[in-house]
Amino acid sequence: MIIADENIDSSLIFKLRDFGFEVFSIKENLSGESDKNIIQLTKEKKGILITEDKDFGEWVFAHNIKECTIILLRYKNVLEFEIMEDKVVQLLRNLDDAQAHKFITITHNKIRIREI
């Protein structure tokens, strides 16, 4: 299951759903929820959190949280976001259990994967 943080644009959520991914939107279901609770939800659902909030990096590394995968989107403008949407879909299609428990940063020109 994909968990889309509150800051994820609905166009990406719709695109992921169109490609057959099950997406739980924080904006649609738990607006205003704390980062701590979103991480807990991600762990419980064995999901992948997609966010634009770099505070999640601090959460997982400073608090030694290991049981989740987080994808951080970094972009400067709409054009870069549109490029990244396709990268997100491609990454999720190819993500397997061996890549679980990672902190993944996606920009318009690079994907960086770090162990959690």
Protein backbone atom coordinates (compact mmCIF):
# COMPACT_ATOMS: atom_id res chain seq x y z
CA MET A 1 0.00 0.00 0.00
CA ILE A 2 1.15 3.51 -0.82
CA ILE A 3 0.54 6.16 1.82
CA ALA A 4 0.48 9.65 0.34
CA ASP A 5 1.37 12.34 2.85
CA GLU A 6 -0.87 15.37 3.13
CA ASN A 7 1.47 17.45 0.93
CA ILE A 8 1.34 15.10 -2.07
CA ASP A 9 -0.44 16.62 -5.04
CA SER A 10 -3.66 14.84 -5.94
CA SER A 11 -2.48 14.45 -9.56
CA LEU A 12 0.18 11.98 -8.37
CA ILE A 13 -2.36 10.14 -6.20
CA PHE A 14 -4.73 9.79 -9.16
CA LYS A 15 -1.90 8.68 -11.45
CA LEU A 16 -0.81 5.98 -9.00
CA ARG A 17 -4.38 4.76 -8.64
CA ASP A 18 -4.76 4.72 -12.44
CA PHE A 19 -1.73 2.43 -12.57
CA GLY A 20 -3.39 0.07 -10.11
CA PHE A 21 -1.65 1.05 -6.88
CA GLU A 22 -3.65 1.09 -3.66
CA VAL A 23 -3.15 4.61 -2.30
CA PHE A 24 -4.20 5.79 1.14
CA SER A 25 -4.27 9.59 1.12
CA ILE A 26 -3.57 11.35 4.41
CA LYS A 27 -5.23 14.47 2.98
CA GLU A 28 -8.44 12.54 2.21
CA ASN A 29 -8.55 10.44 5.39
CA LEU A 30 -6.43 11.83 8.24
CA SER A 31 -5.81 15.50 7.51
CA GLY A 32 -3.70 17.14 10.20
CA GLU A 33 -2.28 13.86 11.53
CA SER A 34 1.14 14.05 13.21
CA ASP A 35 4.28 12.77 11.50
CA LYS A 36 4.75 10.26 14.31
CA ASN A 37 1.29 8.77 13.70
CA ILE A 38 1.85 8.71 9.94
CA ILE A 39 5.04 6.71 10.45
CA GLN A 40 3.18 4.33 12.76
CA LEU A 41 0.43 3.91 10.15
CA THR A 42 3.04 3.21 7.46
CA LYS A 43 4.65 0.55 9.63
CA GLU A 44 1.31 -1.07 10.56
CA LYS A 45 0.18 -1.27 6.94
CA LYS A 46 3.66 -2.31 5.76
CA GLY A 47 3.28 0.57 3.35
CA ILE A 48 5.47 2.98 1.46
CA LEU A 49 5.15 6.62 2.49
CA ILE A 50 5.47 9.25 -0.23
CA THR A 51 6.11 12.74 1.10
CA GLU A 52 7.62 16.12 0.33
CA ASP A 53 8.40 16.67 4.04
CA LYS A 54 12.12 16.17 4.74
CA ASP A 55 11.32 15.97 8.48
CA PHE A 56 10.55 12.29 7.88
CA GLY A 57 14.25 11.75 7.23
CA GLU A 58 14.99 13.12 10.67
CA TRP A 59 12.32 10.87 12.15
CA VAL A 60 13.67 7.65 10.71
CA PHE A 61 17.37 8.33 11.20
CA ALA A 62 17.30 10.18 14.55
CA HIS A 63 14.73 7.81 16.09
CA ASN A 64 16.18 4.69 14.45
CA ILE A 65 12.89 3.69 12.81
CA LYS A 66 13.54 0.78 10.47
CA GLU A 67 10.26 -0.90 9.58
CA CYS A 68 9.14 1.34 6.74
CA THR A 69 10.09 2.71 3.34
CA ILE A 70 9.87 6.44 2.68
CA ILE A 71 10.05 8.19 -0.67
CA LEU A 72 10.94 11.88 -0.42
CA LEU A 73 10.12 14.02 -3.45
CA ARG A 74 12.32 17.08 -4.08
CA TYR A 75 11.54 19.47 -6.92
CA LYS A 76 11.62 23.17 -7.73
CA ASN A 77 8.80 23.65 -10.21
CA VAL A 78 5.87 22.05 -11.99
CA LEU A 79 7.99 20.76 -14.87
CA GLU A 80 10.32 18.91 -12.47
CA PHE A 81 7.27 17.53 -10.63
CA GLU A 82 5.81 16.16 -13.86
CA ILE A 83 9.11 14.41 -14.64
CA MET A 84 9.18 12.97 -11.12
CA GLU A 85 5.65 11.59 -11.34
CA ASP A 86 6.79 9.15 -14.02
CA LYS A 87 9.90 8.26 -11.99
CA VAL A 88 7.74 7.49 -8.94
CA VAL A 89 5.50 5.16 -10.93
CA GLN A 90 8.51 3.39 -12.48
CA LEU A 91 10.23 3.03 -9.10
CA LEU A 92 7.12 1.62 -7.43
CA ARG A 93 6.57 -0.85 -10.27
CA ASN A 94 10.10 -2.18 -9.80
CA LEU A 95 10.36 -2.00 -6.00
CA ASP A 96 10.67 -5.41 -4.41
CA ASP A 97 11.05 -6.80 -0.89
CA ALA A 98 14.84 -6.53 -1.13
CA GLN A 99 14.41 -2.77 -1.38
CA ALA A 100 12.16 -2.52 1.67
CA HIS A 101 13.13 -0.36 4.62
CA LYS A 102 14.80 2.34 2.55
CA PHE A 103 14.79 6.10 2.48
CA ILE A 104 14.52 7.05 -1.18
CA THR A 105 14.96 10.59 -2.46
CA ILE A 106 13.72 11.37 -5.95
CA THR A 107 14.58 14.53 -7.86
CA HIS A 108 13.90 15.28 -11.51
CA ASN A 109 17.35 13.93 -12.46
CA LYS A 110 18.35 11.45 -9.74
CA ILE A 111 17.15 8.72 -7.40
CA ARG A 112 19.13 8.12 -4.18
CA ILE A 113 18.40 5.05 -2.06
CA ARG A 114 19.67 4.81 1.53
CA GLU A 115 19.35 2.00 4.04
CA ILE A 116 17.27 2.81 7.08
